[in-house]
Protein backbone atom coordinates (compact mmCIF):
# COMPACT_ATOMS: atom_id res chain seq x y z
CA MET A 1 46.50 73.85 54.17
CA LYS A 2 48.93 71.93 56.31
CA PHE A 3 51.43 74.77 55.83
CA LEU A 4 48.89 77.37 57.04
CA ARG A 5 48.03 75.29 60.10
CA SER A 6 51.72 74.92 61.12
CA THR A 7 52.31 78.64 60.50
CA TYR A 8 49.30 79.42 62.70
CA TRP A 9 50.69 77.32 65.55
CA LEU A 10 54.18 78.78 65.11
CA THR A 11 52.78 82.32 65.20
CA LEU A 12 50.71 81.47 68.26
CA ALA A 13 53.76 79.96 70.01
CA LEU A 14 55.92 82.99 69.21
CA ALA A 15 53.22 85.36 70.47
CA GLY A 16 52.95 83.36 73.69
CA LEU A 17 56.71 83.41 74.09
CA ALA A 18 56.84 87.17 73.50
CA PHE A 19 54.01 87.73 75.99
CA GLY A 20 55.73 85.52 78.58
CA THR A 21 59.03 87.37 78.09
CA ALA A 22 57.30 90.73 78.53
CA VAL A 23 55.73 89.55 81.78
CA GLN A 24 59.09 88.26 83.03
CA ALA A 25 60.83 91.53 82.11
CA GLN A 26 58.37 93.42 84.29
CA GLU A 27 59.29 91.26 87.26
CA PHE A 28 63.04 91.88 86.96
CA LYS A 29 64.27 93.98 89.88
CA ALA A 30 67.62 95.76 89.63
CA GLY A 31 69.47 98.08 91.96
CA PHE A 32 72.60 100.19 92.02
CA VAL A 33 75.26 100.80 94.68
CA ASN A 34 77.61 103.78 94.50
CA THR A 35 80.96 102.40 95.72
CA ASP A 36 82.51 105.87 95.85
CA ARG A 37 79.89 106.87 98.42
CA ILE A 38 80.52 103.66 100.34
CA PHE A 39 84.25 104.50 100.50
CA ARG A 40 83.47 108.07 101.64
CA GLU A 41 80.55 107.55 104.01
CA ALA A 42 80.78 104.08 105.55
CA SER A 43 82.00 104.12 109.13
CA SER A 44 84.35 101.22 108.34
CA ALA A 45 85.90 103.26 105.50
CA LYS A 46 86.32 106.26 107.80
CA ALA A 47 87.89 104.02 110.44
CA ALA A 48 90.28 102.60 107.83
CA GLN A 49 91.26 106.13 106.80
CA SER A 50 91.97 107.08 110.43
CA LYS A 51 93.98 103.90 110.90
CA LEU A 52 96.09 104.73 107.85
CA GLU A 53 96.64 108.30 109.00
CA GLN A 54 97.86 107.08 112.39
CA GLU A 55 100.02 104.39 110.82
CA PHE A 56 101.72 106.71 108.33
CA SER A 57 101.72 110.10 110.06
CA ARG A 58 105.10 109.58 111.74
CA ARG A 59 106.83 108.66 108.46
CA GLU A 60 105.12 111.50 106.65
CA LYS A 61 106.34 113.94 109.31
CA GLU A 62 109.90 112.56 109.11
CA ILE A 63 109.93 112.95 105.33
CA SER A 64 108.57 116.48 105.60
CA GLU A 65 111.23 117.39 108.18
CA LEU A 66 113.94 115.86 106.00
CA GLY A 67 112.68 117.91 103.04
CA ASN A 68 112.77 121.10 105.13
CA SER A 69 116.28 120.25 106.33
CA ILE A 70 117.52 119.73 102.77
CA LYS A 71 115.86 122.96 101.67
CA ALA A 72 117.56 124.88 104.50
CA ALA A 73 120.92 123.25 103.66
CA SER A 74 120.45 124.17 100.00
CA GLU A 75 119.68 127.79 100.89
CA LYS A 76 122.74 127.92 103.16
CA PHE A 77 124.86 126.46 100.37
CA GLU A 78 123.65 129.17 97.96
CA ARG A 79 124.53 131.87 100.48
CA ASP A 80 127.95 130.37 101.25
CA ALA A 81 128.85 129.25 97.71
CA LEU A 82 130.91 132.32 96.89
CA THR A 83 133.07 131.99 100.01
CA LEU A 84 133.74 128.25 99.63
CA SER A 85 136.71 126.75 97.86
CA GLU A 86 136.05 124.76 94.70
CA SER A 87 136.53 121.41 96.48
CA GLN A 88 134.25 122.46 99.40
CA ARG A 89 131.59 123.64 96.98
CA LEU A 90 131.73 120.37 95.00
CA THR A 91 131.63 118.29 98.19
CA ARG A 92 128.60 120.12 99.59
CA GLN A 93 126.87 120.09 96.22
CA LYS A 94 127.41 116.32 96.00
CA GLN A 95 126.05 115.90 99.56
CA LEU A 96 122.94 117.92 98.68
CA VAL A 97 122.35 115.85 95.54
CA GLU A 98 122.70 112.60 97.54
CA GLN A 99 120.39 113.90 100.28
CA ASP A 100 117.81 114.94 97.69
CA ARG A 101 118.05 111.55 95.98
CA ASP A 102 117.56 109.87 99.38
CA LEU A 103 114.55 112.10 100.07
CA GLN A 104 112.99 111.25 96.68
CA ARG A 105 113.53 107.53 97.36
CA LYS A 106 111.93 107.81 100.80
CA ARG A 107 108.95 109.72 99.34
CA ARG A 108 108.49 107.09 96.65
CA GLU A 109 108.71 104.22 99.15
CA PHE A 110 106.32 106.04 101.47
CA GLN A 111 103.80 106.53 98.66
CA GLU A 112 104.11 102.90 97.56
CA ASP A 113 103.64 101.64 101.12
CA LEU A 114 100.72 103.98 101.70
CA ASN A 115 99.03 102.93 98.46
CA ALA A 116 99.51 99.24 99.23
CA ARG A 117 98.03 99.60 102.73
CA LYS A 118 95.21 101.79 101.42
CA ASN A 119 94.34 99.13 98.86
CA GLU A 120 94.35 96.46 101.59
CA GLU A 121 92.04 98.50 103.81
CA LEU A 122 89.70 99.46 100.97
CA GLN A 123 89.55 95.83 99.85
CA GLN A 124 88.32 94.86 103.33
CA VAL A 125 85.72 97.64 103.23
CA LEU A 126 84.63 96.54 99.75
CA GLU A 127 84.35 92.87 100.77
CA ARG A 128 82.20 93.82 103.76
CA ALA A 129 80.09 96.15 101.60
CA ASN A 130 79.60 93.39 99.02
CA ARG A 131 78.35 91.04 101.75
CA VAL A 132 75.88 93.73 102.84
CA VAL A 133 74.80 94.34 99.22
CA LYS A 134 74.12 90.62 98.87
CA GLN A 135 72.23 90.63 102.19
CA VAL A 136 70.05 93.57 101.08
CA ALA A 137 69.55 92.06 97.60
CA GLU A 138 68.39 88.74 99.04
CA ALA A 139 66.14 90.37 101.65
CA GLU A 140 64.47 92.64 99.11
CA LYS A 141 64.51 90.09 96.26
CA TYR A 142 66.69 91.97 93.76
CA ASP A 143 67.69 90.11 90.61
CA ALA A 144 70.82 92.20 89.99
CA ILE A 145 72.80 94.91 91.75
CA PHE A 146 75.20 97.04 89.70
CA GLN A 147 78.19 98.97 91.02
CA GLU A 148 78.98 100.87 87.85
CA ALA A 149 76.62 102.33 85.30
CA VAL A 150 76.62 105.10 82.73
CA TYR A 151 73.22 106.24 84.00
CA ILE A 152 71.04 105.08 86.84
CA ASN A 153 67.62 106.30 87.83
CA PRO A 154 67.91 107.43 91.48
CA LYS A 155 64.91 105.26 92.43
CA HIS A 156 67.14 102.19 91.84
CA ASP A 157 69.99 103.45 94.04
CA ILE A 158 70.20 101.31 97.18
CA THR A 159 73.42 102.92 98.49
CA ASP A 160 71.61 104.49 101.45
CA LYS A 161 70.21 101.11 102.49
CA VAL A 162 73.65 99.51 102.25
CA LEU A 163 75.27 102.35 104.22
CA LYS A 164 72.61 102.05 106.90
CA VAL A 165 73.32 98.34 107.37
CA LEU A 166 77.11 98.83 107.16
CA ASN A 167 77.08 101.65 109.72
CA SER A 168 74.70 99.84 112.06
CA GLY A 169 77.03 96.89 112.39
CA ASN A 170 74.28 94.43 111.41
CA ALA A 171 76.23 93.06 108.47
CA LYS A 172 76.48 89.28 108.34
């Protein structure tokens, strides 16, 4: 009898716990933010992109002009190759190889510098966006906001709200 009474209370406690958990689960509020959209559509991200284009356009143009110059020199070498002496041909060929190696190095350095600056700028955009996400989450009493998900129901997507605050300049 004592065993049945303790089983009854244990069952009752577990049922209460399950009911309480179900009620709590209904109160959980989650949202989703699409960071790719933030990087594409936020005015701060667009401003960062413009800043990078201005910062790197001169170097990009120089590299492009150097590439065109090497291409023209290579074409001239091919036209003149038959009329050049062996030593002249080897000298010009060596110059072209060195110029091309220099161009490849400059392209690589350019790309590395561009990527590093892009990461810096995007990190600033992301930090600002995260502050806005937190601001929206606190104001609307979200329990969790996710930035990556395999699937998300569009009704939980708060990206538009975050973009609105980001683009309005009302971020804290």
